PDB file of all heavy atoms in Angstrom:
ATOM      1  N   GLU A   1       0.830  -1.197   0.000  1.00  0.00           N
ATOM      2  CA  GLU A   1       0.000   0.000   0.000  1.00  0.00           C
ATOM      3  C   GLU A   1       0.870   1.255   0.000  1.00  0.00           C
ATOM      4  O   GLU A   1       0.568   2.237  -0.668  1.00  0.00           O
ATOM      5  CB  GLU A   1      -0.914  -0.005   1.230  1.00  0.00           C
ATOM      6  CG  GLU A   1      -1.938   1.102   1.196  1.00  0.00           C
ATOM      7  CD  GLU A   1      -2.909   0.989   2.347  1.00  0.00           C
ATOM      8  OE1 GLU A   1      -3.310  -0.130   2.694  1.00  0.00           O
ATOM      9  OE2 GLU A   1      -3.252   2.041   2.901  1.00  0.00           O
ATOM     10  N   LYS A   2       1.953   1.246   0.771  1.00  0.00           N
ATOM     11  CA  LYS A   2       2.848   2.404   0.884  1.00  0.00           C
ATOM     12  C   LYS A   2       3.909   2.338  -0.210  1.00  0.00           C
ATOM     13  O   LYS A   2       4.887   1.618  -0.097  1.00  0.00           O
ATOM     14  CB  LYS A   2       3.526   2.433   2.262  1.00  0.00           C
ATOM     15  CG  LYS A   2       2.589   2.669   3.414  1.00  0.00           C
ATOM     16  CD  LYS A   2       2.214   4.119   3.495  1.00  0.00           C
ATOM     17  CE  LYS A   2       1.418   4.384   4.761  1.00  0.00           C
ATOM     18  NZ  LYS A   2       1.184   5.749   5.010  1.00  0.00           N
ATOM     19  N   ARG A   3       3.682   3.116  -1.287  1.00  0.00           N
ATOM     20  CA  ARG A   3       4.629   3.137  -2.399  1.00  0.00           C
ATOM     21  C   ARG A   3       5.002   4.558  -2.788  1.00  0.00           C
ATOM     22  O   ARG A   3       5.573   4.793  -3.832  1.00  0.00           O
ATOM     23  CB  ARG A   3       4.049   2.395  -3.605  1.00  0.00           C
ATOM     24  CG  ARG A   3       3.765   0.926  -3.269  1.00  0.00           C
ATOM     25  CD  ARG A   3       3.389   0.110  -4.470  1.00  0.00           C
ATOM     26  NE  ARG A   3       4.618  -0.275  -5.147  1.00  0.00           N
ATOM     27  CZ  ARG A   3       4.746  -0.290  -6.473  1.00  0.00           C
ATOM     28  NH1 ARG A   3       3.760   0.035  -7.257  1.00  0.00           N
ATOM     29  NH2 ARG A   3       5.879  -0.672  -7.020  1.00  0.00           N
ATOM     30  N   ARG A   4       4.657   5.521  -1.927  1.00  0.00           N
ATOM     31  CA  ARG A   4       5.013   6.911  -2.124  1.00  0.00           C
ATOM     32  C   ARG A   4       5.731   7.384  -0.869  1.00  0.00           C
ATOM     33  O   ARG A   4       5.251   7.164   0.247  1.00  0.00           O
ATOM     34  CB  ARG A   4       3.777   7.792  -2.357  1.00  0.00           C
ATOM     35  CG  ARG A   4       3.387   7.905  -3.785  1.00  0.00           C
ATOM     36  CD  ARG A   4       2.396   6.943  -4.365  1.00  0.00           C
ATOM     37  NE  ARG A   4       1.548   6.213  -3.465  1.00  0.00           N
ATOM     38  CZ  ARG A   4       1.323   4.905  -3.619  1.00  0.00           C
ATOM     39  NH1 ARG A   4       1.864   4.250  -4.587  1.00  0.00           N
ATOM     40  NH2 ARG A   4       0.536   4.263  -2.802  1.00  0.00           N
ATOM     41  N   PHE A   5       6.877   8.048  -1.088  1.00  0.00           N
ATOM     42  CA  PHE A   5       7.723   8.423   0.041  1.00  0.00           C
ATOM     43  C   PHE A   5       8.170   9.876  -0.090  1.00  0.00           C
ATOM     44  O   PHE A   5       8.208  10.427  -1.184  1.00  0.00           O
ATOM     45  CB  PHE A   5       8.971   7.523   0.095  1.00  0.00           C
ATOM     46  CG  PHE A   5       8.631   6.066   0.141  1.00  0.00           C
ATOM     47  CD1 PHE A   5       8.577   5.315  -1.018  1.00  0.00           C
ATOM     48  CD2 PHE A   5       8.348   5.444   1.345  1.00  0.00           C
ATOM     49  CE1 PHE A   5       8.261   3.964  -0.990  1.00  0.00           C
ATOM     50  CE2 PHE A   5       8.017   4.091   1.389  1.00  0.00           C
ATOM     51  CZ  PHE A   5       7.979   3.357   0.223  1.00  0.00           C
ATOM     52  N   PHE A   6       8.538  10.439   1.053  1.00  0.00           N
ATOM     53  CA  PHE A   6       9.118  11.786   1.087  1.00  0.00           C
ATOM     54  C   PHE A   6      10.354  11.720   1.969  1.00  0.00           C
ATOM     55  O   PHE A   6      10.245  11.449   3.160  1.00  0.00           O
ATOM     56  CB  PHE A   6       8.120  12.805   1.657  1.00  0.00           C
ATOM     57  CG  PHE A   6       8.593  14.225   1.525  1.00  0.00           C
ATOM     58  CD1 PHE A   6       8.165  15.010   0.473  1.00  0.00           C
ATOM     59  CD2 PHE A   6       9.487  14.773   2.441  1.00  0.00           C
ATOM     60  CE1 PHE A   6       8.619  16.315   0.331  1.00  0.00           C
ATOM     61  CE2 PHE A   6       9.938  16.072   2.305  1.00  0.00           C
ATOM     62  CZ  PHE A   6       9.508  16.846   1.255  1.00  0.00           C
ATOM     63  N   SER A   7      11.538  11.922   1.375  1.00  0.00           N
ATOM     64  CA  SER A   7      12.766  11.934   2.177  1.00  0.00           C
ATOM     65  C   SER A   7      12.952  13.351   2.699  1.00  0.00           C
ATOM     66  O   SER A   7      13.134  14.284   1.930  1.00  0.00           O
ATOM     67  CB  SER A   7      13.973  11.471   1.363  1.00  0.00           C
ATOM     68  OG  SER A   7      14.251  12.366   0.316  1.00  0.00           O
ATOM     69  N   ASP A   8      12.858  13.484   4.005  1.00  0.00           N
ATOM     70  CA  ASP A   8      12.918  14.788   4.660  1.00  0.00           C
ATOM     71  C   ASP A   8      14.181  14.866   5.500  1.00  0.00           C
ATOM     72  O   ASP A   8      14.394  14.040   6.383  1.00  0.00           O
ATOM     73  CB  ASP A   8      11.681  14.970   5.549  1.00  0.00           C
ATOM     74  CG  ASP A   8      11.627  16.337   6.214  1.00  0.00           C
ATOM     75  OD1 ASP A   8      12.300  17.269   5.731  1.00  0.00           O
ATOM     76  OD2 ASP A   8      10.898  16.468   7.212  1.00  0.00           O
ATOM     77  N   GLY A   9      14.996  15.833   5.199  1.00  0.00           N
ATOM     78  CA  GLY A   9      16.209  16.013   5.977  1.00  0.00           C
ATOM     79  C   GLY A   9      16.836  17.348   5.656  1.00  0.00           C
ATOM     80  O   GLY A   9      16.662  17.882   4.561  1.00  0.00           O
ATOM     81  N   PRO A  10      17.575  17.897   6.607  1.00  0.00           N
ATOM     82  CA  PRO A  10      18.238  19.182   6.365  1.00  0.00           C
ATOM     83  C   PRO A  10      19.330  19.059   5.316  1.00  0.00           C
ATOM     84  O   PRO A  10      19.768  17.941   4.980  1.00  0.00           O
ATOM     85  CB  PRO A  10      18.817  19.543   7.738  1.00  0.00           C
ATOM     86  CG  PRO A  10      18.941  18.253   8.454  1.00  0.00           C
ATOM     87  CD  PRO A  10      17.861  17.364   7.930  1.00  0.00           C
ATOM     88  N   GLY A  11      19.774  20.195   4.788  1.00  0.00           N
ATOM     89  CA  GLY A  11      20.874  20.196   3.837  1.00  0.00           C
ATOM     90  C   GLY A  11      22.069  19.452   4.423  1.00  0.00           C
ATOM     91  O   GLY A  11      22.397  19.612   5.591  1.00  0.00           O
ATOM     92  N   GLY A  12      22.680  18.593   3.619  1.00  0.00           N
ATOM     93  CA  GLY A  12      23.835  17.839   4.068  1.00  0.00           C
ATOM     94  C   GLY A  12      23.498  16.499   4.698  1.00  0.00           C
ATOM     95  O   GLY A  12      24.387  15.774   5.150  1.00  0.00           O
ATOM     96  N   SER A  13      22.209  16.135   4.713  1.00  0.00           N
ATOM     97  CA  SER A  13      21.815  14.863   5.329  1.00  0.00           C
ATOM     98  C   SER A  13      21.934  13.684   4.362  1.00  0.00           C
ATOM     99  O   SER A  13      21.713  12.548   4.749  1.00  0.00           O
ATOM    100  CB  SER A  13      20.391  14.945   5.891  1.00  0.00           C
ATOM    101  OG  SER A  13      19.457  15.193   4.857  1.00  0.00           O
ATOM    102  N   GLY A  14      22.262  13.946   3.105  1.00  0.00           N
ATOM    103  CA  GLY A  14      22.513  12.869   2.154  1.00  0.00           C
ATOM    104  C   GLY A  14      21.353  12.493   1.259  1.00  0.00           C
ATOM    105  O   GLY A  14      21.307  11.373   0.745  1.00  0.00           O
ATOM    106  N   LYS A  15      20.426  13.420   1.031  1.00  0.00           N
ATOM    107  CA  LYS A  15      19.291  13.109   0.158  1.00  0.00           C
ATOM    108  C   LYS A  15      19.760  12.803  -1.271  1.00  0.00           C
ATOM    109  O   LYS A  15      19.347  11.813  -1.864  1.00  0.00           O
ATOM    110  CB  LYS A  15      18.287  14.264   0.156  1.00  0.00           C
ATOM    111  CG  LYS A  15      17.557  14.458   1.472  1.00  0.00           C
ATOM    112  CD  LYS A  15      16.541  15.566   1.415  1.00  0.00           C
ATOM    113  CE  LYS A  15      17.122  16.944   1.220  1.00  0.00           C
ATOM    114  NZ  LYS A  15      17.966  17.452   2.299  1.00  0.00           N
ATOM    115  N   THR A  16      20.631  13.648  -1.818  1.00  0.00           N
ATOM    116  CA  THR A  16      21.100  13.448  -3.187  1.00  0.00           C
ATOM    117  C   THR A  16      21.868  12.137  -3.314  1.00  0.00           C
ATOM    118  O   THR A  16      21.712  11.407  -4.295  1.00  0.00           O
ATOM    119  CB  THR A  16      21.969  14.638  -3.643  1.00  0.00           C
ATOM    120  OG1 THR A  16      21.196  15.838  -3.509  1.00  0.00           O
ATOM    121  CG2 THR A  16      22.409  14.482  -5.083  1.00  0.00           C
ATOM    122  N   PHE A  17      22.673  11.804  -2.319  1.00  0.00           N
ATOM    123  CA  PHE A  17      23.401  10.535  -2.330  1.00  0.00           C
ATOM    124  C   PHE A  17      22.416   9.364  -2.325  1.00  0.00           C
ATOM    125  O   PHE A  17      22.584   8.391  -3.057  1.00  0.00           O
ATOM    126  CB  PHE A  17      24.354  10.448  -1.131  1.00  0.00           C
ATOM    127  CG  PHE A  17      25.211   9.221  -1.134  1.00  0.00           C
ATOM    128  CD1 PHE A  17      26.257   9.086  -2.028  1.00  0.00           C
ATOM    129  CD2 PHE A  17      24.953   8.180  -0.256  1.00  0.00           C
ATOM    130  CE1 PHE A  17      27.053   7.948  -2.045  1.00  0.00           C
ATOM    131  CE2 PHE A  17      25.735   7.033  -0.261  1.00  0.00           C
ATOM    132  CZ  PHE A  17      26.793   6.918  -1.158  1.00  0.00           C
ATOM    133  N   LEU A  18      21.356   9.478  -1.516  1.00  0.00           N
ATOM    134  CA  LEU A  18      20.317   8.446  -1.475  1.00  0.00           C
ATOM    135  C   LEU A  18      19.650   8.313  -2.840  1.00  0.00           C
ATOM    136  O   LEU A  18      19.476   7.205  -3.347  1.00  0.00           O
ATOM    137  CB  LEU A  18      19.279   8.774  -0.400  1.00  0.00           C
ATOM    138  CG  LEU A  18      18.050   7.868  -0.342  1.00  0.00           C
ATOM    139  CD1 LEU A  18      18.433   6.439   0.037  1.00  0.00           C
ATOM    140  CD2 LEU A  18      17.031   8.434   0.649  1.00  0.00           C
ATOM    141  N   TYR A  19      19.280   9.439  -3.452  1.00  0.00           N
ATOM    142  CA  TYR A  19      18.628   9.392  -4.768  1.00  0.00           C
ATOM    143  C   TYR A  19      19.524   8.694  -5.795  1.00  0.00           C
ATOM    144  O   TYR A  19      19.065   7.839  -6.552  1.00  0.00           O
ATOM    145  CB  TYR A  19      18.311  10.795  -5.295  1.00  0.00           C
ATOM    146  CG  TYR A  19      17.453  11.654  -4.417  1.00  0.00           C
ATOM    147  CD1 TYR A  19      17.575  13.036  -4.453  1.00  0.00           C
ATOM    148  CD2 TYR A  19      16.513  11.119  -3.547  1.00  0.00           C
ATOM    149  CE1 TYR A  19      16.795  13.846  -3.660  1.00  0.00           C
ATOM    150  CE2 TYR A  19      15.730  11.930  -2.746  1.00  0.00           C
ATOM    151  CZ  TYR A  19      15.880  13.293  -2.805  1.00  0.00           C
ATOM    152  OH  TYR A  19      15.108  14.103  -2.013  1.00  0.00           O
ATOM    153  N   ASN A  20      20.788   9.097  -5.834  1.00  0.00           N
ATOM    154  CA  ASN A  20      21.704   8.507  -6.810  1.00  0.00           C
ATOM    155  C   ASN A  20      21.914   7.018  -6.551  1.00  0.00           C
ATOM    156  O   ASN A  20      22.003   6.227  -7.495  1.00  0.00           O
ATOM    157  CB  ASN A  20      23.030   9.273  -6.831  1.00  0.00           C
ATOM    158  CG  ASN A  20      22.898  10.594  -7.565  1.00  0.00           C
ATOM    159  OD1 ASN A  20      22.300  10.674  -8.630  1.00  0.00           O
ATOM    160  ND2 ASN A  20      23.444  11.650  -6.990  1.00  0.00           N
ATOM    161  N   THR A  21      21.961   6.604  -5.289  1.00  0.00           N
ATOM    162  CA  THR A  21      22.108   5.189  -4.961  1.00  0.00           C
ATOM    163  C   THR A  21      20.894   4.396  -5.444  1.00  0.00           C
ATOM    164  O   THR A  21      21.023   3.335  -6.054  1.00  0.00           O
ATOM    165  CB  THR A  21      22.295   4.995  -3.443  1.00  0.00           C
ATOM    166  OG1 THR A  21      23.448   5.729  -3.015  1.00  0.00           O
ATOM    167  CG2 THR A  21      22.471   3.538  -3.078  1.00  0.00           C
ATOM    168  N   ILE A  22      19.708   4.936  -5.197  1.00  0.00           N
ATOM    169  CA  ILE A  22      18.474   4.274  -5.639  1.00  0.00           C
ATOM    170  C   ILE A  22      18.419   4.211  -7.165  1.00  0.00           C
ATOM    171  O   ILE A  22      18.049   3.183  -7.742  1.00  0.00           O
ATOM    172  CB  ILE A  22      17.232   4.993  -5.065  1.00  0.00           C
ATOM    173  CG1 ILE A  22      17.188   4.801  -3.553  1.00  0.00           C
ATOM    174  CG2 ILE A  22      15.956   4.495  -5.719  1.00  0.00           C
ATOM    175  CD1 ILE A  22      16.206   5.716  -2.852  1.00  0.00           C
ATOM    176  N   MET A  23      18.817   5.307  -7.828  1.00  0.00           N
ATOM    177  CA  MET A  23      18.805   5.307  -9.296  1.00  0.00           C
ATOM    178  C   MET A  23      19.744   4.235  -9.845  1.00  0.00           C
ATOM    179  O   MET A  23      19.379   3.510 -10.770  1.00  0.00           O
ATOM    180  CB  MET A  23      19.191   6.688  -9.841  1.00  0.00           C
ATOM    181  CG  MET A  23      18.081   7.700  -9.705  1.00  0.00           C
ATOM    182  SD  MET A  23      18.386   9.211 -10.634  1.00  0.00           S
ATOM    183  CE  MET A  23      19.806   9.867  -9.795  1.00  0.00           C
ATOM    184  N   HIS A  24      20.936   4.118  -9.269  1.00  0.00           N
ATOM    185  CA  HIS A  24      21.880   3.104  -9.731  1.00  0.00           C
ATOM    186  C   HIS A  24      21.329   1.695  -9.487  1.00  0.00           C
ATOM    187  O   HIS A  24      21.500   0.809 -10.329  1.00  0.00           O
ATOM    188  CB  HIS A  24      23.245   3.279  -9.061  1.00  0.00           C
ATOM    189  CG  HIS A  24      23.996   4.462  -9.575  1.00  0.00           C
ATOM    190  ND1 HIS A  24      24.471   4.561 -10.862  1.00  0.00           N
ATOM    191  CD2 HIS A  24      24.343   5.625  -8.972  1.00  0.00           C
ATOM    192  CE1 HIS A  24      25.071   5.716 -11.036  1.00  0.00           C
ATOM    193  NE2 HIS A  24      25.010   6.387  -9.901  1.00  0.00           N
ATOM    194  N   TYR A  25      20.653   1.502  -8.363  1.00  0.00           N
ATOM    195  CA  TYR A  25      20.073   0.191  -8.064  1.00  0.00           C
ATOM    196  C   TYR A  25      19.014  -0.182  -9.106  1.00  0.00           C
ATOM    197  O   TYR A  25      19.047  -1.271  -9.682  1.00  0.00           O
ATOM    198  CB  TYR A  25      19.465   0.175  -6.655  1.00  0.00           C
ATOM    199  CG  TYR A  25      18.799  -1.134  -6.338  1.00  0.00           C
ATOM    200  CD1 TYR A  25      19.553  -2.245  -5.961  1.00  0.00           C
ATOM    201  CD2 TYR A  25      17.415  -1.282  -6.450  1.00  0.00           C
ATOM    202  CE1 TYR A  25      18.952  -3.463  -5.703  1.00  0.00           C
ATOM    203  CE2 TYR A  25      16.806  -2.492  -6.188  1.00  0.00           C
ATOM    204  CZ  TYR A  25      17.576  -3.582  -5.817  1.00  0.00           C
ATOM    205  OH  TYR A  25      16.970  -4.788  -5.573  1.00  0.00           O
ATOM    206  N   VAL A  26      18.070   0.723  -9.346  1.00  0.00           N
ATOM    207  CA  VAL A  26      16.986   0.445 -10.296  1.00  0.00           C
ATOM    208  C   VAL A  26      17.542   0.260 -11.704  1.00  0.00           C
ATOM    209  O   VAL A  26      17.154  -0.665 -12.424  1.00  0.00           O
ATOM    210  CB  VAL A  26      15.916   1.557 -10.252  1.00  0.00           C
ATOM    211  CG1 VAL A  26      14.876   1.373 -11.357  1.00  0.00           C
ATOM    212  CG2 VAL A  26      15.240   1.595  -8.885  1.00  0.00           C
ATOM    213  N   ARG A  27      18.479   1.116 -12.088  1.00  0.00           N
ATOM    214  CA  ARG A  27      19.060   1.009 -13.429  1.00  0.00           C
ATOM    215  C   ARG A  27      19.890  -0.261 -13.583  1.00  0.00           C
ATOM    216  O   ARG A  27      20.006  -0.791 -14.687  1.00  0.00           O
ATOM    217  CB  ARG A  27      19.884   2.252 -13.738  1.00  0.00           C
ATOM    218  CG  ARG A  27      18.992   3.470 -13.956  1.00  0.00           C
ATOM    219  CD  ARG A  27      19.763   4.752 -14.104  1.00  0.00           C
ATOM    220  NE  ARG A  27      18.847   5.864 -14.355  1.00  0.00           N
ATOM    221  CZ  ARG A  27      19.156   7.134 -14.153  1.00  0.00           C
ATOM    222  NH1 ARG A  27      20.364   7.465 -13.721  1.00  0.00           N
ATOM    223  NH2 ARG A  27      18.260   8.080 -14.382  1.00  0.00           N
ATOM    224  N   SER A  28      20.455  -0.773 -12.480  1.00  0.00           N
ATOM    225  CA  SER A  28      21.213  -2.027 -12.554  1.00  0.00           C
ATOM    226  C   SER A  28      20.304  -3.210 -12.879  1.00  0.00           C
ATOM    227  O   SER A  28      20.760  -4.255 -13.326  1.00  0.00           O
ATOM    228  CB  SER A  28      21.968  -2.288 -11.244  1.00  0.00           C
ATOM    229  OG  SER A  28      21.088  -2.733 -10.228  1.00  0.00           O
ATOM    230  N   LYS A  29      19.002  -3.040 -12.674  1.00  0.00           N
ATOM    231  CA  LYS A  29      18.006  -4.063 -13.007  1.00  0.00           C
ATOM    232  C   LYS A  29      17.454  -3.845 -14.417  1.00  0.00           C
ATOM    233  O   LYS A  29      16.451  -4.441 -14.795  1.00  0.00           O
ATOM    234  CB  LYS A  29      16.843  -4.024 -12.001  1.00  0.00           C
ATOM    235  CG  LYS A  29      17.257  -4.099 -10.553  1.00  0.00           C
ATOM    236  CD  LYS A  29      17.789  -5.450 -10.215  1.00  0.00           C
ATOM    237  CE  LYS A  29      18.109  -5.525  -8.730  1.00  0.00           C
ATOM    238  NZ  LYS A  29      19.007  -6.616  -8.426  1.00  0.00           N
ATOM    239  N   ASN A  30      18.079  -2.928 -15.172  1.00  0.00           N
ATOM    240  CA  ASN A  30      17.639  -2.550 -16.517  1.00  0.00           C
ATOM    241  C   ASN A  30      16.216  -2.001 -16.528  1.00  0.00           C
ATOM    242  O   ASN A  30      15.442  -2.261 -17.446  1.00  0.00           O
ATOM    243  CB  ASN A  30      17.777  -3.721 -17.504  1.00  0.00           C
ATOM    244  CG  ASN A  30      19.221  -4.042 -17.775  1.00  0.00           C
ATOM    245  OD1 ASN A  30      20.040  -3.138 -17.927  1.00  0.00           O
ATOM    246  ND2 ASN A  30      19.541  -5.324 -17.801  1.00  0.00           N
ATOM    247  N   GLU A  31      15.888  -1.258 -15.498  1.00  0.00           N
ATOM    248  CA  GLU A  31      14.569  -0.634 -15.373  1.00  0.00           C
ATOM    249  C   GLU A  31      14.750   0.888 -15.445  1.00  0.00           C
ATOM    250  O   GLU A  31      15.837   1.412 -15.179  1.00  0.00           O
ATOM    251  CB  GLU A  31      13.927  -1.011 -14.048  1.00  0.00           C
ATOM    252  CG  GLU A  31      13.790  -2.499 -13.848  1.00  0.00           C
ATOM    253  CD  GLU A  31      12.448  -3.048 -14.240  1.00  0.00           C
ATOM    254  OE1 GLU A  31      11.548  -3.021 -13.417  1.00  0.00           O
ATOM    255  OE2 GLU A  31      12.322  -3.508 -15.380  1.00  0.00           O
ATOM    256  N   LEU A  32      13.676   1.558 -15.769  1.00  0.00           N
ATOM    257  CA  LEU A  32      13.710   3.005 -15.953  1.00  0.00           C
ATOM    258  C   LEU A  32      13.350   3.736 -14.670  1.00  0.00           C
ATOM    259  O   LEU A  32      12.329   3.445 -14.040  1.00  0.00           O
ATOM    260  CB  LEU A  32      12.740   3.406 -17.076  1.00  0.00           C
ATOM    261  CG  LEU A  32      12.655   4.883 -17.427  1.00  0.00           C
ATOM    262  CD1 LEU A  32      14.008   5.403 -17.931  1.00  0.00           C
ATOM    263  CD2 LEU A  32      11.578   5.106 -18.479  1.00  0.00           C
ATOM    264  N   VAL A  33      14.187   4.685 -14.279  1.00  0.00           N
ATOM    265  CA  VAL A  33      13.903   5.599 -13.178  1.00  0.00           C
ATOM    266  C   VAL A  33      14.026   7.009 -13.745  1.00  0.00           C
ATOM    267  O   VAL A  33      14.955   7.292 -14.509  1.00  0.00           O
ATOM    268  CB  VAL A  33      14.837   5.376 -11.966  1.00  0.00           C
ATOM    269  CG1 VAL A  33      16.289   5.498 -12.354  1.00  0.00           C
ATOM    270  CG2 VAL A  33      14.529   6.334 -10.835  1.00  0.00           C
ATOM    271  N   LEU A  34      13.065   7.868 -13.425  1.00  0.00           N
ATOM    272  CA  LEU A  34      13.064   9.224 -13.955  1.00  0.00           C
ATOM    273  C   LEU A  34      13.206  10.224 -12.805  1.00  0.00           C
ATOM    274  O   LEU A  34      12.279  10.383 -12.012  1.00  0.00           O
ATOM    275  CB  LEU A  34      11.773   9.491 -14.736  1.00  0.00           C
ATOM    276  CG  LEU A  34      11.576   8.633 -15.975  1.00  0.00           C
ATOM    277  CD1 LEU A  34      10.189   8.857 -16.569  1.00  0.00           C
ATOM    278  CD2 LEU A  34      12.649   8.932 -17.011  1.00  0.00           C
ATOM    279  N   PRO A  35      14.364  10.893 -12.720  1.00  0.00           N
ATOM    280  CA  PRO A  35      14.545  11.903 -11.683  1.00  0.00           C
ATOM    281  C   PRO A  35      14.173  13.291 -12.188  1.00  0.00           C
ATOM    282  O   PRO A  35      14.420  13.632 -13.346  1.00  0.00           O
ATOM    283  CB  PRO A  35      16.049  11.820 -11.389  1.00  0.00           C
ATOM    284  CG  PRO A  35      16.652  11.428 -12.700  1.00  0.00           C
ATOM    285  CD  PRO A  35      15.614  10.557 -13.391  1.00  0.00           C
ATOM    286  N   CYS A  36      13.561  14.067 -11.319  1.00  0.00           N
ATOM    287  CA  CYS A  36      13.258  15.457 -11.656  1.00  0.00           C
ATOM    288  C   CYS A  36      13.368  16.317 -10.403  1.00  0.00           C
ATOM    289  O   CYS A  36      13.386  15.804  -9.285  1.00  0.00           O
ATOM    290  CB  CYS A  36      11.876  15.589 -12.288  1.00  0.00           C
ATOM    291  SG  CYS A  36      10.484  15.242 -11.194  1.00  0.00           S
ATOM    292  N   THR A  37      13.458  17.596 -10.618  1.00  0.00           N
ATOM    293  CA  THR A  37      13.506  18.561  -9.525  1.00  0.00           C
ATOM    294  C   THR A  37      12.615  19.735  -9.903  1.00  0.00           C
ATOM    295  O   THR A  37      12.208  19.856 -11.061  1.00  0.00           O
ATOM    296  CB  THR A  37      14.940  19.072  -9.273  1.00  0.00           C
ATOM    297  OG1 THR A  37      15.377  19.799 -10.416  1.00  0.00           O
ATOM    298  CG2 THR A  37      15.899  17.928  -8.994  1.00  0.00           C
ATOM    299  N   PHE A  38      12.354  20.584  -8.939  1.00  0.00           N
ATOM    300  CA  PHE A  38      11.493  21.720  -9.260  1.00  0.00           C
ATOM    301  C   PHE A  38      12.269  22.819  -9.981  1.00  0.00           C
ATOM    302  O   PHE A  38      11.685  23.589 -10.731  1.00  0.00           O
ATOM    303  CB  PHE A  38      10.803  22.258  -8.004  1.00  0.00           C
ATOM    304  CG  PHE A  38       9.609  23.114  -8.328  1.00  0.00           C
ATOM    305  CD1 PHE A  38       8.474  22.560  -8.877  1.00  0.00           C
ATOM    306  CD2 PHE A  38       9.645  24.483  -8.117  1.00  0.00           C
ATOM    307  CE1 PHE A  38       7.383  23.345  -9.212  1.00  0.00           C
ATOM    308  CE2 PHE A  38       8.557  25.274  -8.443  1.00  0.00           C
ATOM    309  CZ  PHE A  38       7.426  24.707  -8.992  1.00  0.00           C
ATOM    310  N   THR A  39      13.594  22.905  -9.777  1.00  0.00           N
ATOM    311  CA  THR A  39      14.388  23.921 -10.466  1.00  0.00           C
ATOM    312  C   THR A  39      15.454  23.253 -11.326  1.00  0.00           C
ATOM    313  O   THR A  39      15.881  22.131 -11.060  1.00  0.00           O
ATOM    314  CB  THR A  39      15.090  24.875  -9.475  1.00  0.00           C
ATOM    315  OG1 THR A  39      16.038  24.130  -8.708  1.00  0.00           O
ATOM    316  CG2 THR A  39      14.085  25.555  -8.554  1.00  0.00           C
ATOM    317  N   GLY A  40      15.909  23.970 -12.329  1.00  0.00           N
ATOM    318  CA  GLY A  40      16.891  23.434 -13.255  1.00  0.00           C
ATOM    319  C   GLY A  40      18.260  23.219 -12.639  1.00  0.00           C
ATOM    320  O   GLY A  40      18.960  22.272 -12.988  1.00  0.00           O
TER     321      GLY A  40
END
C-alpha cells in the first residue's frame, strides 16, 4: 500500500546521495527511473 515516500532532511543529510544510490540500483536491473527537480 505504501509506495510513495518523502525523504525529509536538512541540507547535508545525504538526500542526493540516497537518490543517486536508488537510481543506480533500479538502473542495474535494466529498469527506468526518472529523476526530476522543481528547479533546473
